[in-house]
N, C-alpha and C. Protein backbone atom coordinates (compact mmCIF):
# COMPACT_ATOMS: atom_id res chain seq x y z
N MET A 1 174.28 -118.26 63.20
CA MET A 1 175.53 -118.30 62.48
C MET A 1 175.35 -117.64 61.11
N THR A 2 176.18 -116.69 60.80
CA THR A 2 176.18 -116.04 59.51
C THR A 2 177.14 -116.77 58.59
N GLN A 3 176.71 -116.97 57.36
CA GLN A 3 177.53 -117.66 56.36
C GLN A 3 177.99 -116.69 55.29
N LEU A 4 179.23 -116.86 54.86
CA LEU A 4 179.77 -116.15 53.72
C LEU A 4 180.16 -117.21 52.71
N ILE A 5 179.52 -117.18 51.52
CA ILE A 5 179.74 -118.22 50.52
C ILE A 5 180.42 -117.65 49.28
N ASP A 6 181.26 -118.47 48.66
CA ASP A 6 181.97 -118.01 47.47
C ASP A 6 181.11 -118.12 46.22
N ASP A 7 181.67 -117.78 45.09
CA ASP A 7 180.91 -117.72 43.84
C ASP A 7 180.34 -119.06 43.39
N ARG A 8 181.08 -120.14 43.55
CA ARG A 8 180.56 -121.46 43.15
C ARG A 8 179.42 -121.89 44.04
N LEU A 9 179.51 -121.62 45.31
CA LEU A 9 178.42 -121.96 46.24
C LEU A 9 177.22 -121.04 46.00
N LEU A 10 177.50 -119.80 45.63
CA LEU A 10 176.41 -118.88 45.26
C LEU A 10 175.69 -119.40 44.02
N ALA A 11 176.44 -119.86 43.04
CA ALA A 11 175.84 -120.43 41.82
C ALA A 11 174.94 -121.60 42.17
N ALA A 12 175.41 -122.47 43.06
CA ALA A 12 174.59 -123.61 43.48
C ALA A 12 173.33 -123.14 44.18
N ARG A 13 173.47 -122.15 45.03
CA ARG A 13 172.31 -121.62 45.77
C ARG A 13 171.28 -121.00 44.81
N LEU A 14 171.74 -120.23 43.86
CA LEU A 14 170.83 -119.58 42.92
C LEU A 14 170.19 -120.59 41.98
N GLY A 15 170.87 -121.71 41.77
CA GLY A 15 170.34 -122.76 40.91
C GLY A 15 169.42 -123.72 41.62
N GLY A 16 169.05 -123.41 42.84
CA GLY A 16 168.12 -124.24 43.58
C GLY A 16 168.74 -125.06 44.69
N GLY A 17 170.07 -125.04 44.78
CA GLY A 17 170.73 -125.76 45.87
C GLY A 17 170.76 -124.90 47.12
N ASP A 18 171.29 -125.45 48.17
CA ASP A 18 171.39 -124.72 49.43
C ASP A 18 172.85 -124.56 49.81
N PRO A 19 173.16 -123.48 50.53
CA PRO A 19 174.52 -123.34 51.04
C PRO A 19 174.75 -124.39 52.11
N PRO A 20 175.98 -124.59 52.52
CA PRO A 20 176.26 -125.56 53.58
C PRO A 20 175.44 -125.23 54.83
N GLU A 21 175.01 -126.26 55.51
CA GLU A 21 174.22 -126.07 56.73
C GLU A 21 173.16 -124.99 56.48
N SER A 22 172.30 -125.27 55.54
CA SER A 22 171.33 -124.31 55.03
C SER A 22 170.63 -123.49 56.11
N GLN A 23 170.45 -122.25 55.81
CA GLN A 23 169.71 -121.33 56.67
C GLN A 23 169.09 -120.27 55.76
N GLU A 24 168.33 -119.38 56.32
CA GLU A 24 167.62 -118.41 55.49
C GLU A 24 168.55 -117.42 54.79
N LEU A 25 169.56 -116.90 55.47
CA LEU A 25 170.38 -115.83 54.92
C LEU A 25 171.83 -116.28 54.77
N ALA A 26 172.36 -116.07 53.60
CA ALA A 26 173.78 -116.27 53.34
C ALA A 26 174.29 -115.00 52.69
N TYR A 27 175.54 -114.69 52.89
CA TYR A 27 176.16 -113.51 52.28
C TYR A 27 177.18 -113.97 51.25
N THR A 28 177.48 -113.09 50.32
CA THR A 28 178.59 -113.26 49.41
C THR A 28 179.29 -111.92 49.31
N THR A 29 180.35 -111.86 48.53
CA THR A 29 181.07 -110.60 48.36
C THR A 29 180.79 -110.03 46.98
N GLY A 30 181.09 -108.76 46.82
CA GLY A 30 180.91 -108.11 45.54
C GLY A 30 181.73 -108.77 44.44
N TYR A 31 183.01 -109.07 44.72
CA TYR A 31 183.85 -109.70 43.71
C TYR A 31 183.35 -111.10 43.35
N TRP A 32 182.93 -111.88 44.33
CA TRP A 32 182.41 -113.21 44.01
C TRP A 32 181.14 -113.08 43.17
N TYR A 33 180.29 -112.14 43.49
CA TYR A 33 179.07 -111.92 42.72
C TYR A 33 179.41 -111.46 41.29
N VAL A 34 180.35 -110.54 41.16
CA VAL A 34 180.77 -110.08 39.83
C VAL A 34 181.36 -111.22 39.02
N ARG A 35 182.20 -112.03 39.63
CA ARG A 35 182.80 -113.16 38.91
C ARG A 35 181.75 -114.12 38.38
N LEU A 36 180.74 -114.39 39.21
CA LEU A 36 179.66 -115.27 38.78
C LEU A 36 178.87 -114.64 37.64
N CYS A 37 178.52 -113.37 37.77
CA CYS A 37 177.79 -112.68 36.70
C CYS A 37 178.58 -112.70 35.39
N ARG A 38 179.85 -112.39 35.45
CA ARG A 38 180.68 -112.39 34.24
C ARG A 38 180.73 -113.77 33.62
N ALA A 39 180.90 -114.79 34.42
CA ALA A 39 181.01 -116.15 33.90
C ALA A 39 179.72 -116.59 33.23
N VAL A 40 178.60 -116.33 33.87
CA VAL A 40 177.32 -116.79 33.35
C VAL A 40 176.84 -115.93 32.18
N LEU A 41 176.93 -114.63 32.32
CA LEU A 41 176.38 -113.74 31.31
C LEU A 41 177.28 -113.60 30.07
N ASN A 42 178.54 -113.97 30.19
CA ASN A 42 179.45 -113.89 29.05
C ASN A 42 179.79 -115.23 28.44
N SER A 43 179.19 -116.30 28.95
CA SER A 43 179.49 -117.62 28.38
C SER A 43 178.77 -117.76 27.04
N SER A 44 179.51 -118.21 26.06
CA SER A 44 178.90 -118.39 24.74
C SER A 44 179.33 -119.75 24.20
N GLY A 45 178.57 -120.75 24.54
CA GLY A 45 178.86 -122.09 24.05
C GLY A 45 179.74 -122.89 24.98
N SER A 46 180.94 -122.41 25.25
CA SER A 46 181.82 -123.16 26.16
C SER A 46 181.53 -122.70 27.59
N HIS A 47 181.42 -123.65 28.48
CA HIS A 47 181.05 -123.33 29.85
C HIS A 47 182.19 -123.67 30.80
N GLY A 48 182.51 -122.73 31.65
CA GLY A 48 183.52 -122.94 32.67
C GLY A 48 182.88 -123.46 33.95
N VAL A 49 183.66 -123.51 34.99
CA VAL A 49 183.21 -124.05 36.27
C VAL A 49 181.97 -123.31 36.79
N LEU A 50 181.97 -121.99 36.69
CA LEU A 50 180.86 -121.21 37.24
C LEU A 50 179.62 -121.25 36.35
N SER A 51 179.79 -121.17 35.05
CA SER A 51 178.63 -121.11 34.16
C SER A 51 178.03 -122.48 33.88
N ALA A 52 178.80 -123.54 34.05
CA ALA A 52 178.31 -124.89 33.73
C ALA A 52 177.10 -125.27 34.58
N SER A 53 177.10 -124.86 35.84
CA SER A 53 175.98 -125.23 36.71
C SER A 53 174.68 -124.58 36.23
N PHE A 54 174.76 -123.38 35.66
CA PHE A 54 173.57 -122.72 35.11
C PHE A 54 173.15 -123.40 33.81
N ALA A 55 174.12 -123.71 32.97
CA ALA A 55 173.82 -124.31 31.66
C ALA A 55 173.17 -125.68 31.80
N ALA A 56 173.47 -126.40 32.87
CA ALA A 56 172.95 -127.75 33.06
C ALA A 56 171.51 -127.78 33.58
N LEU A 57 170.97 -126.64 33.98
CA LEU A 57 169.63 -126.61 34.56
C LEU A 57 168.55 -126.78 33.49
N PRO A 58 167.45 -127.46 33.85
CA PRO A 58 166.29 -127.49 32.94
C PRO A 58 165.79 -126.06 32.72
N LYS A 59 165.11 -125.82 31.61
CA LYS A 59 164.72 -124.47 31.19
C LYS A 59 164.04 -123.66 32.29
N ALA A 60 163.03 -124.23 32.93
CA ALA A 60 162.29 -123.48 33.97
C ALA A 60 163.22 -123.09 35.12
N MET A 61 164.06 -124.02 35.56
CA MET A 61 164.99 -123.71 36.65
C MET A 61 166.07 -122.73 36.18
N HIS A 62 166.49 -122.87 34.93
CA HIS A 62 167.49 -121.96 34.37
C HIS A 62 166.96 -120.53 34.37
N ASP A 63 165.71 -120.36 33.95
CA ASP A 63 165.11 -119.03 33.93
C ASP A 63 165.03 -118.43 35.33
N GLN A 64 164.66 -119.25 36.31
CA GLN A 64 164.60 -118.78 37.71
C GLN A 64 165.99 -118.42 38.21
N ALA A 65 166.97 -119.26 37.89
CA ALA A 65 168.34 -119.00 38.34
C ALA A 65 168.88 -117.72 37.70
N MET A 66 168.58 -117.51 36.43
CA MET A 66 169.03 -116.29 35.75
C MET A 66 168.39 -115.05 36.38
N GLN A 67 167.11 -115.14 36.70
CA GLN A 67 166.44 -114.02 37.35
C GLN A 67 167.07 -113.73 38.71
N ALA A 68 167.39 -114.79 39.45
CA ALA A 68 168.03 -114.63 40.76
C ALA A 68 169.43 -114.04 40.61
N LEU A 69 170.12 -114.42 39.54
CA LEU A 69 171.45 -113.86 39.29
C LEU A 69 171.36 -112.37 38.98
N LEU A 70 170.38 -112.00 38.18
CA LEU A 70 170.24 -110.59 37.78
C LEU A 70 169.74 -109.71 38.92
N GLU A 71 169.01 -110.29 39.83
CA GLU A 71 168.52 -109.54 40.99
C GLU A 71 168.59 -110.49 42.18
N LEU A 72 169.66 -110.37 42.95
CA LEU A 72 169.86 -111.29 44.07
C LEU A 72 168.64 -111.34 44.97
N PRO A 73 168.21 -112.55 45.34
CA PRO A 73 167.07 -112.66 46.25
C PRO A 73 167.43 -112.09 47.63
N ASP A 74 166.41 -111.75 48.38
CA ASP A 74 166.61 -111.15 49.71
C ASP A 74 167.42 -112.03 50.65
N GLU A 75 167.39 -113.33 50.45
CA GLU A 75 168.13 -114.22 51.36
C GLU A 75 169.62 -114.31 51.05
N ILE A 76 170.06 -113.53 50.06
CA ILE A 76 171.50 -113.42 49.77
C ILE A 76 171.93 -112.01 50.14
N GLY A 77 172.74 -111.90 51.16
CA GLY A 77 173.23 -110.60 51.60
C GLY A 77 174.51 -110.21 50.87
N LEU A 78 174.73 -108.92 50.75
CA LEU A 78 175.91 -108.38 50.08
C LEU A 78 176.32 -107.14 50.86
N VAL A 79 177.52 -107.15 51.43
CA VAL A 79 177.98 -106.04 52.24
C VAL A 79 178.54 -104.95 51.33
N SER A 80 178.13 -103.72 51.57
CA SER A 80 178.57 -102.58 50.77
C SER A 80 180.05 -102.30 50.97
N LEU A 81 180.68 -101.83 49.88
CA LEU A 81 182.07 -101.39 50.00
C LEU A 81 182.20 -100.16 50.89
N ARG A 82 181.13 -99.42 51.11
CA ARG A 82 181.16 -98.31 52.07
C ARG A 82 181.53 -98.83 53.45
N THR A 83 181.03 -100.01 53.76
CA THR A 83 181.33 -100.64 55.05
C THR A 83 182.70 -101.32 55.02
N LEU A 84 182.99 -102.00 53.92
CA LEU A 84 184.19 -102.83 53.85
C LEU A 84 185.48 -102.06 53.60
N ALA A 85 185.43 -100.94 52.88
CA ALA A 85 186.65 -100.24 52.48
C ALA A 85 187.58 -99.91 53.65
N PRO A 86 187.08 -99.32 54.74
CA PRO A 86 187.99 -99.03 55.86
C PRO A 86 188.57 -100.29 56.48
N VAL A 87 187.77 -101.33 56.54
CA VAL A 87 188.24 -102.60 57.11
C VAL A 87 189.29 -103.21 56.19
N ILE A 88 189.06 -103.14 54.88
CA ILE A 88 190.04 -103.62 53.91
C ILE A 88 191.36 -102.88 54.09
N GLY A 89 191.27 -101.58 54.26
CA GLY A 89 192.48 -100.79 54.48
C GLY A 89 193.26 -101.24 55.70
N GLN A 90 192.54 -101.49 56.78
CA GLN A 90 193.20 -101.93 58.02
C GLN A 90 193.78 -103.34 57.88
N LEU A 91 193.01 -104.25 57.30
CA LEU A 91 193.47 -105.63 57.16
C LEU A 91 194.63 -105.76 56.19
N SER A 92 194.71 -104.86 55.22
CA SER A 92 195.78 -104.91 54.23
C SER A 92 197.16 -104.69 54.85
N ARG A 93 197.20 -104.07 56.02
CA ARG A 93 198.47 -103.89 56.72
C ARG A 93 199.05 -105.21 57.19
N HIS A 94 198.17 -106.19 57.42
CA HIS A 94 198.61 -107.46 58.02
C HIS A 94 198.53 -108.65 57.08
N HIS A 95 197.80 -108.51 55.98
CA HIS A 95 197.58 -109.65 55.09
C HIS A 95 197.83 -109.25 53.64
N GLN A 96 198.64 -110.05 52.97
CA GLN A 96 198.96 -109.82 51.56
C GLN A 96 198.03 -110.67 50.70
N LEU A 97 196.85 -110.12 50.40
CA LEU A 97 195.86 -110.82 49.59
C LEU A 97 195.50 -109.97 48.38
N ASN A 98 195.02 -110.63 47.32
CA ASN A 98 194.52 -109.87 46.18
C ASN A 98 193.19 -109.23 46.55
N ALA A 99 192.62 -108.46 45.63
CA ALA A 99 191.38 -107.73 45.92
C ALA A 99 190.23 -108.67 46.30
N LEU A 100 190.11 -109.78 45.59
CA LEU A 100 189.05 -110.73 45.90
C LEU A 100 189.22 -111.29 47.32
N GLY A 101 190.43 -111.67 47.66
CA GLY A 101 190.70 -112.27 48.97
C GLY A 101 190.52 -111.28 50.11
N ILE A 102 191.02 -110.06 49.95
CA ILE A 102 190.91 -109.09 51.04
C ILE A 102 189.46 -108.66 51.25
N GLU A 103 188.66 -108.61 50.18
CA GLU A 103 187.24 -108.30 50.35
C GLU A 103 186.55 -109.43 51.11
N ALA A 104 186.87 -110.67 50.77
CA ALA A 104 186.27 -111.80 51.48
C ALA A 104 186.67 -111.78 52.95
N LEU A 105 187.93 -111.51 53.24
CA LEU A 105 188.39 -111.43 54.63
C LEU A 105 187.66 -110.32 55.38
N ALA A 106 187.57 -109.15 54.77
CA ALA A 106 186.89 -108.02 55.42
C ALA A 106 185.42 -108.33 55.67
N ALA A 107 184.76 -108.94 54.70
CA ALA A 107 183.34 -109.29 54.87
C ALA A 107 183.18 -110.30 56.01
N ALA A 108 184.05 -111.28 56.06
CA ALA A 108 183.98 -112.28 57.13
C ALA A 108 184.17 -111.62 58.49
N VAL A 109 185.12 -110.72 58.59
CA VAL A 109 185.38 -110.02 59.85
C VAL A 109 184.18 -109.15 60.23
N CYS A 110 183.68 -108.36 59.30
CA CYS A 110 182.54 -107.47 59.58
C CYS A 110 181.29 -108.25 59.98
N LEU A 111 181.05 -109.35 59.29
CA LEU A 111 179.84 -110.14 59.55
C LEU A 111 180.00 -111.15 60.68
N GLU A 112 181.25 -111.32 61.14
CA GLU A 112 181.56 -112.39 62.08
C GLU A 112 181.02 -113.71 61.53
N ALA A 113 181.34 -113.94 60.27
CA ALA A 113 180.76 -115.06 59.52
C ALA A 113 181.68 -116.26 59.46
N ASP A 114 181.05 -117.42 59.32
CA ASP A 114 181.76 -118.63 58.95
C ASP A 114 181.87 -118.59 57.43
N VAL A 115 183.05 -118.88 56.90
CA VAL A 115 183.30 -118.77 55.47
C VAL A 115 183.32 -120.16 54.86
N TYR A 116 182.58 -120.31 53.76
CA TYR A 116 182.51 -121.57 53.04
C TYR A 116 183.09 -121.36 51.65
N LEU A 117 184.14 -122.12 51.34
CA LEU A 117 184.81 -122.03 50.06
C LEU A 117 184.61 -123.33 49.29
N SER A 118 184.48 -123.23 47.99
CA SER A 118 184.30 -124.42 47.16
C SER A 118 185.63 -125.07 46.78
N ALA A 119 186.72 -124.37 47.00
CA ALA A 119 188.06 -124.89 46.69
C ALA A 119 189.05 -124.27 47.67
N PRO A 120 190.14 -124.97 47.94
CA PRO A 120 191.13 -124.41 48.85
C PRO A 120 191.70 -123.09 48.33
N SER A 121 191.97 -122.20 49.26
CA SER A 121 192.63 -120.94 48.98
C SER A 121 193.57 -120.67 50.16
N PRO A 122 194.76 -121.26 50.12
CA PRO A 122 195.65 -121.26 51.29
C PRO A 122 195.91 -119.89 51.91
N ARG A 123 196.18 -118.88 51.09
CA ARG A 123 196.47 -117.56 51.67
C ARG A 123 195.24 -116.96 52.34
N LEU A 124 194.08 -117.10 51.70
CA LEU A 124 192.85 -116.60 52.30
C LEU A 124 192.52 -117.39 53.57
N GLN A 125 192.65 -118.70 53.51
CA GLN A 125 192.37 -119.52 54.69
C GLN A 125 193.29 -119.14 55.85
N GLU A 126 194.55 -118.91 55.56
CA GLU A 126 195.50 -118.50 56.59
C GLU A 126 195.10 -117.16 57.21
N ALA A 127 194.71 -116.21 56.37
CA ALA A 127 194.29 -114.90 56.86
C ALA A 127 193.01 -115.01 57.69
N LEU A 128 192.06 -115.80 57.23
CA LEU A 128 190.80 -115.99 57.97
C LEU A 128 191.09 -116.59 59.35
N THR A 129 191.93 -117.58 59.38
CA THR A 129 192.28 -118.21 60.66
C THR A 129 192.96 -117.20 61.58
N ALA A 130 193.87 -116.40 61.03
CA ALA A 130 194.56 -115.38 61.82
C ALA A 130 193.58 -114.35 62.40
N GLU A 131 192.48 -114.12 61.71
CA GLU A 131 191.46 -113.17 62.17
C GLU A 131 190.33 -113.86 62.94
N ASN A 132 190.58 -115.08 63.36
CA ASN A 132 189.62 -115.86 64.17
C ASN A 132 188.29 -116.12 63.48
N CYS A 133 188.34 -116.31 62.16
CA CYS A 133 187.15 -116.67 61.38
C CYS A 133 187.20 -118.16 61.07
N CYS A 134 186.08 -118.81 61.14
CA CYS A 134 186.00 -120.22 60.77
C CYS A 134 185.90 -120.32 59.27
N VAL A 135 186.61 -121.26 58.69
CA VAL A 135 186.59 -121.47 57.25
C VAL A 135 186.48 -122.97 56.98
N GLU A 136 185.65 -123.31 55.99
CA GLU A 136 185.44 -124.71 55.64
C GLU A 136 185.42 -124.84 54.12
N ILE A 137 186.08 -125.89 53.64
CA ILE A 137 186.06 -126.19 52.21
C ILE A 137 184.90 -127.17 52.00
N VAL A 138 184.02 -126.82 51.06
CA VAL A 138 182.82 -127.62 50.78
C VAL A 138 182.95 -128.18 49.37
N GLY A 139 182.62 -129.45 49.23
CA GLY A 139 182.61 -130.03 47.88
C GLY A 139 183.76 -130.85 47.65
């Protein structure tokens, strides 16, 4: 089973946690990865949902998590937009999603992945279900 995890679950994974039903390889999307990088690398004192998990880590774990954020470990897959762009174009005819959502849908379809979200996303969940992808809210 291939897993596609969102930015909050990616943050937990990089901070030493495991994705749902842990396995060696989990994927994320470019937008989810960018959102996590922006949140963590641009936080200055006040921490939001994504950066708080990094800020709460003990120093040694924080340093490891930051290194993993800056260079994703091999067990985190990331599908290239070279692969996703044509699929995004096709799926956009049937689903009205923002860029983050349509990339997640395309990645799930390409990977035939089960999608794990940290919070409900009704439009994305509806589109995933329509494309015969399993989706689960974790947390």
